[in-house]
Every structure is written in structure tokens, then in C-alpha cells.
Amino acid sequence: MKKREFNKHLNACRTKDKKRLDLSKLEALSKEIRLKMAHYVVCQRGPLIMPLAACCDSQWLHSMGYMYKTIGKTSGLKFQHTCEHIIN
């Protein structure tokens, strides 16, 4: 998946004011698209939102260093991330 395709799918999952992600729209995407988006985020070494992490093999994510699960203080979203990330 290229950056342009990732951004297209991500923008389709935002709320009407374009400021927050709508998890119901994200979960409504096909499993194949969510899996491709998760692989793109992992390749870019970014934190994964749990609906994307749920479609991946957990053992593969752990081998890639995604061992930590955190709830964002300001957003309330659940993330799976590496030790490199600080979730606020």
C-alpha cells in the first residue's frame, strides 16, 4: 500500500469535522484493507489503533516489537505500539 492509498482510506474514516477518527467507519472497512493499512503503519514504525491491530496476527506484531497496549489520555483510543512511542 502506498501513502496516497493509505491516506485515502484514512480520510474516509474520519468524522464530519475531519478532526477525529470514527472507529465504526474504520471497522466497516474490509479486513483486507485494514490488514494492508496495518502493514503500512508497521512498516512506517507508527503506533497501531486497535481495530487495525486486531486484524493482524498478534505473534507477528510482537515479533515486530509491538508489545505494548495503551489507552490515549486525550482521545480515549486504544493503541498497540513499540517502546519508542509515547501515547498521550
N, C-alpha and C. Protein backbone atom coordinates (compact mmCIF):
# COMPACT_ATOMS: atom_id res chain seq x y z
N MET A 1 0.85 -1.17 0.00
CA MET A 1 0.00 0.00 0.00
C MET A 1 0.89 1.24 0.00
N LYS A 2 0.57 2.16 -0.84
CA LYS A 2 1.30 3.42 -0.93
C LYS A 2 0.68 4.46 0.01
N LYS A 3 1.41 5.53 0.25
CA LYS A 3 0.95 6.57 1.16
C LYS A 3 -0.36 7.19 0.68
N ARG A 4 -0.49 7.40 -0.60
CA ARG A 4 -1.71 8.02 -1.15
C ARG A 4 -2.94 7.14 -0.89
N GLU A 5 -2.80 5.84 -1.09
CA GLU A 5 -3.91 4.93 -0.85
C GLU A 5 -4.25 4.84 0.64
N PHE A 6 -3.22 4.82 1.48
CA PHE A 6 -3.43 4.81 2.93
C PHE A 6 -4.20 6.05 3.38
N ASN A 7 -3.76 7.22 2.90
CA ASN A 7 -4.43 8.47 3.28
C ASN A 7 -5.87 8.52 2.77
N LYS A 8 -6.13 7.95 1.60
CA LYS A 8 -7.49 7.92 1.06
C LYS A 8 -8.41 7.13 1.99
N HIS A 9 -7.96 5.96 2.42
CA HIS A 9 -8.78 5.14 3.32
C HIS A 9 -8.90 5.77 4.70
N LEU A 10 -7.83 6.39 5.17
CA LEU A 10 -7.85 7.02 6.49
C LEU A 10 -8.80 8.22 6.50
N ASN A 11 -8.77 9.03 5.45
CA ASN A 11 -9.66 10.19 5.38
C ASN A 11 -11.12 9.77 5.25
N ALA A 12 -11.37 8.62 4.66
CA ALA A 12 -12.75 8.13 4.56
C ALA A 12 -13.29 7.69 5.92
N CYS A 13 -12.41 7.48 6.88
CA CYS A 13 -12.82 7.01 8.22
C CYS A 13 -12.88 8.14 9.24
N ARG A 14 -12.80 9.36 8.81
CA ARG A 14 -12.85 10.49 9.75
C ARG A 14 -14.28 10.97 9.97
N THR A 15 -14.46 11.70 11.07
CA THR A 15 -15.78 12.28 11.35
C THR A 15 -16.04 13.43 10.40
N LYS A 16 -17.25 13.98 10.45
CA LYS A 16 -17.61 15.04 9.50
C LYS A 16 -16.75 16.29 9.65
N ASP A 17 -16.31 16.59 10.87
CA ASP A 17 -15.47 17.77 11.06
C ASP A 17 -14.00 17.50 10.74
N LYS A 18 -13.67 16.25 10.33
CA LYS A 18 -12.34 15.83 9.87
C LYS A 18 -11.26 15.92 10.96
N LYS A 19 -11.67 15.96 12.23
CA LYS A 19 -10.68 16.08 13.29
C LYS A 19 -10.38 14.77 14.00
N ARG A 20 -11.35 13.85 14.01
CA ARG A 20 -11.17 12.60 14.75
C ARG A 20 -11.49 11.41 13.86
N LEU A 21 -10.96 10.26 14.24
CA LEU A 21 -11.29 9.04 13.53
C LEU A 21 -12.61 8.48 14.06
N ASP A 22 -13.42 7.98 13.17
CA ASP A 22 -14.65 7.31 13.53
C ASP A 22 -14.38 5.81 13.51
N LEU A 23 -14.34 5.20 14.69
CA LEU A 23 -13.98 3.79 14.77
C LEU A 23 -14.99 2.88 14.08
N SER A 24 -16.25 3.29 14.06
CA SER A 24 -17.25 2.46 13.37
C SER A 24 -16.98 2.43 11.86
N LYS A 25 -16.54 3.56 11.29
CA LYS A 25 -16.19 3.58 9.87
C LYS A 25 -14.93 2.76 9.61
N LEU A 26 -13.98 2.83 10.55
CA LEU A 26 -12.75 2.06 10.40
C LEU A 26 -13.04 0.56 10.46
N GLU A 27 -13.91 0.15 11.37
CA GLU A 27 -14.27 -1.26 11.47
C GLU A 27 -15.13 -1.73 10.31
N ALA A 28 -15.79 -0.79 9.62
CA ALA A 28 -16.63 -1.14 8.47
C ALA A 28 -15.80 -1.45 7.22
N LEU A 29 -14.53 -1.06 7.21
CA LEU A 29 -13.67 -1.39 6.07
C LEU A 29 -13.48 -2.90 6.00
N SER A 30 -13.20 -3.39 4.82
CA SER A 30 -12.97 -4.83 4.68
C SER A 30 -11.70 -5.22 5.42
N LYS A 31 -11.64 -6.49 5.82
CA LYS A 31 -10.49 -6.98 6.57
C LYS A 31 -9.22 -6.86 5.75
N GLU A 32 -9.33 -7.04 4.45
CA GLU A 32 -8.16 -6.94 3.57
C GLU A 32 -7.57 -5.53 3.59
N ILE A 33 -8.42 -4.52 3.53
CA ILE A 33 -7.95 -3.13 3.54
C ILE A 33 -7.35 -2.79 4.90
N ARG A 34 -8.02 -3.22 5.99
CA ARG A 34 -7.48 -2.96 7.33
C ARG A 34 -6.13 -3.64 7.52
N LEU A 35 -5.96 -4.84 6.97
CA LEU A 35 -4.69 -5.55 7.07
C LEU A 35 -3.60 -4.81 6.30
N LYS A 36 -3.92 -4.33 5.11
CA LYS A 36 -2.94 -3.55 4.34
C LYS A 36 -2.58 -2.26 5.05
N MET A 37 -3.57 -1.60 5.65
CA MET A 37 -3.29 -0.37 6.40
C MET A 37 -2.40 -0.66 7.60
N ALA A 38 -2.66 -1.76 8.30
CA ALA A 38 -1.84 -2.14 9.46
C ALA A 38 -0.41 -2.42 9.03
N HIS A 39 -0.22 -3.12 7.93
CA HIS A 39 1.13 -3.41 7.44
C HIS A 39 1.85 -2.11 7.07
N TYR A 40 1.13 -1.16 6.49
CA TYR A 40 1.73 0.12 6.14
C TYR A 40 2.21 0.85 7.40
N VAL A 41 1.37 0.87 8.44
CA VAL A 41 1.74 1.55 9.69
C VAL A 41 2.94 0.88 10.33
N VAL A 42 2.97 -0.44 10.34
CA VAL A 42 4.10 -1.17 10.93
C VAL A 42 5.38 -0.89 10.15
N CYS A 43 5.29 -0.85 8.83
CA CYS A 43 6.48 -0.54 8.02
C CYS A 43 6.98 0.87 8.28
N GLN A 44 6.09 1.79 8.63
CA GLN A 44 6.47 3.17 8.94
C GLN A 44 6.82 3.34 10.42
N ARG A 45 6.71 2.26 11.21
CA ARG A 45 7.02 2.21 12.64
C ARG A 45 6.14 3.15 13.46
N GLY A 46 4.86 3.24 13.11
CA GLY A 46 3.92 4.08 13.85
C GLY A 46 3.08 3.25 14.79
N PRO A 47 2.41 3.89 15.75
CA PRO A 47 1.51 3.16 16.65
C PRO A 47 0.24 2.73 15.92
N LEU A 48 -0.26 1.55 16.25
CA LEU A 48 -1.45 0.99 15.61
C LEU A 48 -2.68 1.24 16.47
N ILE A 49 -3.77 1.65 15.86
CA ILE A 49 -5.06 1.72 16.54
C ILE A 49 -5.58 0.30 16.64
N MET A 50 -6.22 -0.04 17.73
CA MET A 50 -6.61 -1.43 17.98
C MET A 50 -7.47 -2.07 16.89
N PRO A 51 -8.42 -1.36 16.23
CA PRO A 51 -9.15 -2.04 15.14
C PRO A 51 -8.23 -2.51 14.01
N LEU A 52 -7.13 -1.81 13.80
CA LEU A 52 -6.16 -2.26 12.79
C LEU A 52 -5.31 -3.39 13.33
N ALA A 53 -4.94 -3.30 14.60
CA ALA A 53 -4.11 -4.33 15.21
C ALA A 53 -4.87 -5.65 15.35
N ALA A 54 -6.19 -5.56 15.51
CA ALA A 54 -7.00 -6.76 15.71
C ALA A 54 -7.03 -7.65 14.47
N CYS A 55 -6.83 -7.09 13.30
CA CYS A 55 -6.89 -7.90 12.08
C CYS A 55 -5.55 -8.56 11.75
N CYS A 56 -4.50 -8.21 12.49
CA CYS A 56 -3.17 -8.79 12.26
C CYS A 56 -2.93 -9.98 13.18
N ASP A 57 -1.96 -10.78 12.81
CA ASP A 57 -1.52 -11.88 13.65
C ASP A 57 -0.75 -11.29 14.83
N SER A 58 -1.18 -11.60 16.05
CA SER A 58 -0.57 -10.99 17.23
C SER A 58 0.89 -11.43 17.39
N GLN A 59 1.22 -12.65 17.00
CA GLN A 59 2.61 -13.09 17.12
C GLN A 59 3.51 -12.32 16.17
N TRP A 60 3.01 -11.99 14.99
CA TRP A 60 3.79 -11.20 14.05
C TRP A 60 4.01 -9.79 14.60
N LEU A 61 2.95 -9.21 15.18
CA LEU A 61 3.10 -7.87 15.76
C LEU A 61 4.12 -7.88 16.90
N HIS A 62 4.08 -8.89 17.74
CA HIS A 62 5.05 -8.97 18.85
C HIS A 62 6.46 -9.12 18.33
N SER A 63 6.64 -9.89 17.26
CA SER A 63 7.98 -10.04 16.70
C SER A 63 8.48 -8.76 16.07
N MET A 64 7.57 -7.89 15.65
CA MET A 64 7.95 -6.59 15.10
C MET A 64 8.16 -5.55 16.21
N GLY A 65 7.94 -5.92 17.47
CA GLY A 65 8.18 -5.01 18.60
C GLY A 65 6.93 -4.34 19.12
N TYR A 66 5.78 -4.68 18.62
CA TYR A 66 4.52 -4.07 19.05
C TYR A 66 3.96 -4.86 20.24
N MET A 67 4.55 -4.63 21.42
CA MET A 67 4.21 -5.42 22.59
C MET A 67 3.39 -4.64 23.62
N TYR A 68 3.26 -3.36 23.47
CA TYR A 68 2.62 -2.53 24.49
C TYR A 68 1.25 -2.07 24.04
N LYS A 69 0.30 -2.08 24.98
CA LYS A 69 -1.05 -1.61 24.71
C LYS A 69 -1.34 -0.46 25.65
N THR A 70 -1.83 0.65 25.10
CA THR A 70 -2.06 1.88 25.86
C THR A 70 -3.36 2.51 25.41
N ILE A 71 -4.03 3.17 26.34
CA ILE A 71 -5.22 3.97 26.02
C ILE A 71 -4.79 5.44 26.05
N GLY A 72 -5.08 6.17 24.97
CA GLY A 72 -4.73 7.58 24.88
C GLY A 72 -5.49 8.40 25.91
N LYS A 73 -4.80 9.28 26.61
CA LYS A 73 -5.43 10.10 27.65
C LYS A 73 -6.40 11.11 27.09
N THR A 74 -6.04 11.74 25.99
CA THR A 74 -6.90 12.79 25.43
C THR A 74 -7.96 12.23 24.48
N SER A 75 -7.60 11.20 23.73
CA SER A 75 -8.54 10.69 22.72
C SER A 75 -9.38 9.52 23.22
N GLY A 76 -8.85 8.75 24.15
CA GLY A 76 -9.55 7.56 24.62
C GLY A 76 -9.42 6.37 23.67
N LEU A 77 -8.62 6.51 22.62
CA LEU A 77 -8.42 5.42 21.67
C LEU A 77 -7.39 4.43 22.22
N LYS A 78 -7.54 3.17 21.87
CA LYS A 78 -6.61 2.14 22.30
C LYS A 78 -5.58 1.92 21.21
N PHE A 79 -4.31 1.86 21.62
CA PHE A 79 -3.19 1.70 20.70
C PHE A 79 -2.36 0.49 21.08
N GLN A 80 -1.74 -0.12 20.08
CA GLN A 80 -0.69 -1.10 20.30
C GLN A 80 0.56 -0.51 19.66
N HIS A 81 1.67 -0.50 20.43
CA HIS A 81 2.84 0.25 19.96
C HIS A 81 4.12 -0.39 20.46
N THR A 82 5.24 0.17 19.99
CA THR A 82 6.55 -0.26 20.43
C THR A 82 6.99 0.61 21.61
N CYS A 83 8.14 0.30 22.16
CA CYS A 83 8.64 1.09 23.30
C CYS A 83 9.10 2.48 22.85
N GLU A 84 9.20 2.71 21.55
CA GLU A 84 9.64 4.01 21.03
C GLU A 84 8.57 5.08 21.12
N HIS A 85 7.30 4.68 21.28
CA HIS A 85 6.19 5.62 21.21
C HIS A 85 5.72 6.06 22.58
N ILE A 86 5.31 7.31 22.66
CA ILE A 86 4.69 7.87 23.86
C ILE A 86 3.30 8.28 23.45
N ILE A 87 2.28 7.64 24.05
CA ILE A 87 0.89 7.90 23.70
C ILE A 87 0.30 8.86 24.71
N ASN A 88 -0.19 10.00 24.24
CA ASN A 88 -0.84 10.98 25.12
C ASN A 88 -2.34 10.95 24.95
